PDB file of all heavy atoms in Angstrom:
ATOM      1  N   GLY A   1     103.418  99.864  82.341  1.00  0.00           N
ATOM      2  CA  GLY A   1     104.352 100.966  82.391  1.00  0.00           C
ATOM      3  C   GLY A   1     104.295 101.791  81.138  1.00  0.00           C
ATOM      4  O   GLY A   1     103.380 101.660  80.322  1.00  0.00           O
ATOM      5  N   LEU A   2     105.283 102.647  80.989  1.00  0.00           N
ATOM      6  CA  LEU A   2     105.407 103.513  79.824  1.00  0.00           C
ATOM      7  C   LEU A   2     106.377 102.887  78.832  1.00  0.00           C
ATOM      8  O   LEU A   2     107.491 102.503  79.200  1.00  0.00           O
ATOM      9  CB  LEU A   2     105.907 104.892  80.243  1.00  0.00           C
ATOM     10  CG  LEU A   2     106.216 105.891  79.129  1.00  0.00           C
ATOM     11  CD1 LEU A   2     104.948 106.241  78.363  1.00  0.00           C
ATOM     12  CD2 LEU A   2     106.856 107.138  79.711  1.00  0.00           C
ATOM     13  N   VAL A   3     105.949 102.792  77.589  1.00  0.00           N
ATOM     14  CA  VAL A   3     106.788 102.204  76.553  1.00  0.00           C
ATOM     15  C   VAL A   3     106.598 102.991  75.259  1.00  0.00           C
ATOM     16  O   VAL A   3     105.524 103.542  75.000  1.00  0.00           O
ATOM     17  CB  VAL A   3     106.450 100.713  76.355  1.00  0.00           C
ATOM     18  CG1 VAL A   3     105.028 100.537  75.839  1.00  0.00           C
ATOM     19  CG2 VAL A   3     107.449 100.030  75.440  1.00  0.00           C
ATOM     20  N   GLN A   4     107.644 103.057  74.459  1.00  0.00           N
ATOM     21  CA  GLN A   4     107.558 103.744  73.174  1.00  0.00           C
ATOM     22  C   GLN A   4     106.850 102.883  72.141  1.00  0.00           C
ATOM     23  O   GLN A   4     106.840 101.651  72.246  1.00  0.00           O
ATOM     24  CB  GLN A   4     108.959 104.089  72.672  1.00  0.00           C
ATOM     25  CG  GLN A   4     109.686 105.109  73.525  1.00  0.00           C
ATOM     26  CD  GLN A   4     111.033 105.496  72.945  1.00  0.00           C
ATOM     27  OE1 GLN A   4     111.454 104.992  71.914  1.00  0.00           O
ATOM     28  NE2 GLN A   4     111.714 106.408  73.613  1.00  0.00           N
ATOM     29  N   PRO A   5     106.227 103.506  71.143  1.00  0.00           N
ATOM     30  CA  PRO A   5     105.640 102.714  70.061  1.00  0.00           C
ATOM     31  C   PRO A   5     106.651 101.747  69.472  1.00  0.00           C
ATOM     32  O   PRO A   5     107.812 102.092  69.252  1.00  0.00           O
ATOM     33  CB  PRO A   5     105.217 103.775  69.052  1.00  0.00           C
ATOM     34  CG  PRO A   5     104.972 104.994  69.872  1.00  0.00           C
ATOM     35  CD  PRO A   5     106.017 104.951  70.961  1.00  0.00           C
ATOM     36  N   GLY A   6     106.190 100.529  69.224  1.00  0.00           N
ATOM     37  CA  GLY A   6     107.064  99.483  68.734  1.00  0.00           C
ATOM     38  C   GLY A   6     107.709  98.656  69.818  1.00  0.00           C
ATOM     39  O   GLY A   6     108.296  97.609  69.520  1.00  0.00           O
ATOM     40  N   GLY A   7     107.599  99.098  71.050  1.00  0.00           N
ATOM     41  CA  GLY A   7     108.185  98.386  72.166  1.00  0.00           C
ATOM     42  C   GLY A   7     107.321  97.244  72.647  1.00  0.00           C
ATOM     43  O   GLY A   7     106.263  96.946  72.090  1.00  0.00           O
ATOM     44  N   SER A   8     107.771  96.612  73.720  1.00  0.00           N
ATOM     45  CA  SER A   8     107.100  95.436  74.258  1.00  0.00           C
ATOM     46  C   SER A   8     106.927  95.543  75.762  1.00  0.00           C
ATOM     47  O   SER A   8     107.714  96.191  76.456  1.00  0.00           O
ATOM     48  CB  SER A   8     107.909  94.168  73.951  1.00  0.00           C
ATOM     49  OG  SER A   8     108.022  93.938  72.562  1.00  0.00           O
ATOM     50  N   LEU A   9     105.892  94.899  76.250  1.00  0.00           N
ATOM     51  CA  LEU A   9     105.651  94.729  77.674  1.00  0.00           C
ATOM     52  C   LEU A   9     105.120  93.330  77.908  1.00  0.00           C
ATOM     53  O   LEU A   9     104.440  92.766  77.040  1.00  0.00           O
ATOM     54  CB  LEU A   9     104.637  95.738  78.206  1.00  0.00           C
ATOM     55  CG  LEU A   9     105.072  97.189  78.364  1.00  0.00           C
ATOM     56  CD1 LEU A   9     103.855  98.047  78.720  1.00  0.00           C
ATOM     57  CD2 LEU A   9     106.141  97.326  79.433  1.00  0.00           C
ATOM     58  N   ARG A  10     105.418  92.803  79.070  1.00  0.00           N
ATOM     59  CA  ARG A  10     104.866  91.522  79.477  1.00  0.00           C
ATOM     60  C   ARG A  10     104.061  91.719  80.748  1.00  0.00           C
ATOM     61  O   ARG A  10     104.617  92.044  81.796  1.00  0.00           O
ATOM     62  CB  ARG A  10     105.973  90.501  79.719  1.00  0.00           C
ATOM     63  CG  ARG A  10     105.456  89.074  79.941  1.00  0.00           C
ATOM     64  CD  ARG A  10     106.556  88.186  80.478  1.00  0.00           C
ATOM     65  NE  ARG A  10     106.209  86.773  80.400  1.00  0.00           N
ATOM     66  CZ  ARG A  10     106.839  85.811  81.071  1.00  0.00           C
ATOM     67  NH1 ARG A  10     107.863  86.108  81.859  1.00  0.00           N
ATOM     68  NH2 ARG A  10     106.455  84.550  80.939  1.00  0.00           N
ATOM     69  N   LEU A  11     102.762  91.524  80.643  1.00  0.00           N
ATOM     70  CA  LEU A  11     101.882  91.645  81.786  1.00  0.00           C
ATOM     71  C   LEU A  11     101.713  90.295  82.463  1.00  0.00           C
ATOM     72  O   LEU A  11     101.695  89.253  81.802  1.00  0.00           O
ATOM     73  CB  LEU A  11     100.510  92.168  81.370  1.00  0.00           C
ATOM     74  CG  LEU A  11     100.475  93.484  80.590  1.00  0.00           C
ATOM     75  CD1 LEU A  11      99.031  93.894  80.346  1.00  0.00           C
ATOM     76  CD2 LEU A  11     101.236  94.579  81.320  1.00  0.00           C
ATOM     77  N   SER A  12     101.572  90.331  83.769  1.00  0.00           N
ATOM     78  CA  SER A  12     101.333  89.128  84.547  1.00  0.00           C
ATOM     79  C   SER A  12     100.041  89.272  85.330  1.00  0.00           C
ATOM     80  O   SER A  12      99.700  90.354  85.795  1.00  0.00           O
ATOM     81  CB  SER A  12     102.486  88.869  85.527  1.00  0.00           C
ATOM     82  OG  SER A  12     103.701  88.642  84.852  1.00  0.00           O
ATOM     83  N   CYS A  13      99.339  88.174  85.463  1.00  0.00           N
ATOM     84  CA  CYS A  13      98.147  88.096  86.296  1.00  0.00           C
ATOM     85  C   CYS A  13      98.372  86.971  87.287  1.00  0.00           C
ATOM     86  O   CYS A  13      98.340  85.797  86.908  1.00  0.00           O
ATOM     87  CB  CYS A  13      96.907  87.837  85.441  1.00  0.00           C
ATOM     88  SG  CYS A  13      95.379  87.571  86.368  1.00  0.00           S
ATOM     89  N   ALA A  14      98.639  87.331  88.521  1.00  0.00           N
ATOM     90  CA  ALA A  14      98.927  86.353  89.562  1.00  0.00           C
ATOM     91  C   ALA A  14      97.679  86.090  90.391  1.00  0.00           C
ATOM     92  O   ALA A  14      97.046  87.023  90.875  1.00  0.00           O
ATOM     93  CB  ALA A  14     100.058  86.853  90.454  1.00  0.00           C
ATOM     94  N   ALA A  15      97.348  84.825  90.557  1.00  0.00           N
ATOM     95  CA  ALA A  15      96.149  84.428  91.281  1.00  0.00           C
ATOM     96  C   ALA A  15      96.508  83.808  92.621  1.00  0.00           C
ATOM     97  O   ALA A  15      97.486  83.068  92.737  1.00  0.00           O
ATOM     98  CB  ALA A  15      95.324  83.435  90.467  1.00  0.00           C
ATOM     99  N   SER A  16      95.712  84.113  93.619  1.00  0.00           N
ATOM    100  CA  SER A  16      95.841  83.479  94.924  1.00  0.00           C
ATOM    101  C   SER A  16      94.452  83.201  95.472  1.00  0.00           C
ATOM    102  O   SER A  16      93.494  83.906  95.160  1.00  0.00           O
ATOM    103  CB  SER A  16      96.643  84.358  95.888  1.00  0.00           C
ATOM    104  OG  SER A  16      95.991  85.599  96.107  1.00  0.00           O
ATOM    105  N   GLY A  17      94.347  82.167  96.308  1.00  0.00           N
ATOM    106  CA  GLY A  17      93.058  81.783  96.852  1.00  0.00           C
ATOM    107  C   GLY A  17      92.091  81.267  95.798  1.00  0.00           C
ATOM    108  O   GLY A  17      90.871  81.285  96.008  1.00  0.00           O
ATOM    109  N   LEU A  18      92.636  80.800  94.693  1.00  0.00           N
ATOM    110  CA  LEU A  18      91.841  80.380  93.546  1.00  0.00           C
ATOM    111  C   LEU A  18      92.552  79.217  92.876  1.00  0.00           C
ATOM    112  O   LEU A  18      93.765  79.268  92.671  1.00  0.00           O
ATOM    113  CB  LEU A  18      91.672  81.566  92.600  1.00  0.00           C
ATOM    114  CG  LEU A  18      90.905  81.463  91.296  1.00  0.00           C
ATOM    115  CD1 LEU A  18      90.382  82.841  90.904  1.00  0.00           C
ATOM    116  CD2 LEU A  18      91.789  80.926  90.181  1.00  0.00           C
ATOM    117  N   ASN A  19      91.805  78.178  92.543  1.00  0.00           N
ATOM    118  CA  ASN A  19      92.376  77.026  91.855  1.00  0.00           C
ATOM    119  C   ASN A  19      92.464  77.351  90.373  1.00  0.00           C
ATOM    120  O   ASN A  19      91.537  77.084  89.605  1.00  0.00           O
ATOM    121  CB  ASN A  19      91.528  75.788  92.104  1.00  0.00           C
ATOM    122  CG  ASN A  19      92.166  74.529  91.554  1.00  0.00           C
ATOM    123  OD1 ASN A  19      93.371  74.479  91.318  1.00  0.00           O
ATOM    124  ND2 ASN A  19      91.361  73.498  91.357  1.00  0.00           N
ATOM    125  N   LEU A  20      93.565  77.928  89.982  1.00  0.00           N
ATOM    126  CA  LEU A  20      93.703  78.455  88.629  1.00  0.00           C
ATOM    127  C   LEU A  20      93.402  77.450  87.523  1.00  0.00           C
ATOM    128  O   LEU A  20      92.820  77.830  86.502  1.00  0.00           O
ATOM    129  CB  LEU A  20      95.096  79.063  88.436  1.00  0.00           C
ATOM    130  CG  LEU A  20      95.282  79.899  87.173  1.00  0.00           C
ATOM    131  CD1 LEU A  20      94.353  81.108  87.173  1.00  0.00           C
ATOM    132  CD2 LEU A  20      96.737  80.331  87.036  1.00  0.00           C
ATOM    133  N   PRO A  21      93.767  76.174  87.639  1.00  0.00           N
ATOM    134  CA  PRO A  21      93.450  75.230  86.560  1.00  0.00           C
ATOM    135  C   PRO A  21      91.965  75.104  86.249  1.00  0.00           C
ATOM    136  O   PRO A  21      91.616  74.581  85.184  1.00  0.00           O
ATOM    137  CB  PRO A  21      94.012  73.899  87.076  1.00  0.00           C
ATOM    138  CG  PRO A  21      95.123  74.294  87.982  1.00  0.00           C
ATOM    139  CD  PRO A  21      94.630  75.543  88.662  1.00  0.00           C
ATOM    140  N   ASN A  22      91.098  75.577  87.132  1.00  0.00           N
ATOM    141  CA  ASN A  22      89.664  75.530  86.884  1.00  0.00           C
ATOM    142  C   ASN A  22      89.137  76.757  86.143  1.00  0.00           C
ATOM    143  O   ASN A  22      87.944  76.816  85.842  1.00  0.00           O
ATOM    144  CB  ASN A  22      88.895  75.393  88.199  1.00  0.00           C
ATOM    145  CG  ASN A  22      89.083  74.032  88.839  1.00  0.00           C
ATOM    146  OD1 ASN A  22      89.472  73.073  88.182  1.00  0.00           O
ATOM    147  ND2 ASN A  22      88.805  73.957  90.134  1.00  0.00           N
ATOM    148  N   TYR A  23      90.006  77.707  85.852  1.00  0.00           N
ATOM    149  CA  TYR A  23      89.544  78.976  85.328  1.00  0.00           C
ATOM    150  C   TYR A  23      90.190  79.347  84.005  1.00  0.00           C
ATOM    151  O   TYR A  23      91.400  79.181  83.815  1.00  0.00           O
ATOM    152  CB  TYR A  23      89.819  80.097  86.335  1.00  0.00           C
ATOM    153  CG  TYR A  23      88.966  80.002  87.576  1.00  0.00           C
ATOM    154  CD1 TYR A  23      89.398  79.287  88.683  1.00  0.00           C
ATOM    155  CD2 TYR A  23      87.725  80.619  87.624  1.00  0.00           C
ATOM    156  CE1 TYR A  23      88.612  79.184  89.814  1.00  0.00           C
ATOM    157  CE2 TYR A  23      86.936  80.529  88.751  1.00  0.00           C
ATOM    158  CZ  TYR A  23      87.382  79.811  89.842  1.00  0.00           C
ATOM    159  OH  TYR A  23      86.594  79.723  90.961  1.00  0.00           O
ATOM    160  N   ALA A  24      89.361  79.842  83.113  1.00  0.00           N
ATOM    161  CA  ALA A  24      89.873  80.601  81.986  1.00  0.00           C
ATOM    162  C   ALA A  24      90.248  81.993  82.481  1.00  0.00           C
ATOM    163  O   ALA A  24      89.655  82.494  83.442  1.00  0.00           O
ATOM    164  CB  ALA A  24      88.825  80.701  80.878  1.00  0.00           C
ATOM    165  N   ILE A  25      91.221  82.599  81.844  1.00  0.00           N
ATOM    166  CA  ILE A  25      91.634  83.946  82.209  1.00  0.00           C
ATOM    167  C   ILE A  25      91.554  84.842  80.975  1.00  0.00           C
ATOM    168  O   ILE A  25      92.127  84.515  79.928  1.00  0.00           O
ATOM    169  CB  ILE A  25      93.055  83.984  82.779  1.00  0.00           C
ATOM    170  CG1 ILE A  25      93.141  83.162  84.075  1.00  0.00           C
ATOM    171  CG2 ILE A  25      93.490  85.426  83.032  1.00  0.00           C
ATOM    172  CD1 ILE A  25      92.344  83.736  85.235  1.00  0.00           C
ATOM    173  N   GLY A  26      90.854  85.932  81.127  1.00  0.00           N
ATOM    174  CA  GLY A  26      90.764  86.916  80.066  1.00  0.00           C
ATOM    175  C   GLY A  26      91.517  88.177  80.431  1.00  0.00           C
ATOM    176  O   GLY A  26      91.610  88.542  81.603  1.00  0.00           O
ATOM    177  N   TRP A  27      92.065  88.820  79.416  1.00  0.00           N
ATOM    178  CA  TRP A  27      92.670  90.137  79.555  1.00  0.00           C
ATOM    179  C   TRP A  27      91.760  91.154  78.886  1.00  0.00           C
ATOM    180  O   TRP A  27      91.297  90.937  77.756  1.00  0.00           O
ATOM    181  CB  TRP A  27      94.054  90.204  78.928  1.00  0.00           C
ATOM    182  CG  TRP A  27      95.133  89.565  79.747  1.00  0.00           C
ATOM    183  CD1 TRP A  27      95.642  88.315  79.611  1.00  0.00           C
ATOM    184  CD2 TRP A  27      95.844  90.174  80.831  1.00  0.00           C
ATOM    185  NE1 TRP A  27      96.629  88.098  80.537  1.00  0.00           N
ATOM    186  CE2 TRP A  27      96.773  89.221  81.302  1.00  0.00           C
ATOM    187  CE3 TRP A  27      95.791  91.419  81.445  1.00  0.00           C
ATOM    188  CZ2 TRP A  27      97.634  89.486  82.366  1.00  0.00           C
ATOM    189  CZ3 TRP A  27      96.653  91.678  82.504  1.00  0.00           C
ATOM    190  CH2 TRP A  27      97.557  90.712  82.948  1.00  0.00           C
TER     191      TRP A  27
END
């Protein structure tokens, strides 16, 4: 989203159809 300098955001990466414990995740 839109945020002012100095602000914060929390991004999420939701996985489906994938055994997440087997994967590293990069942003």
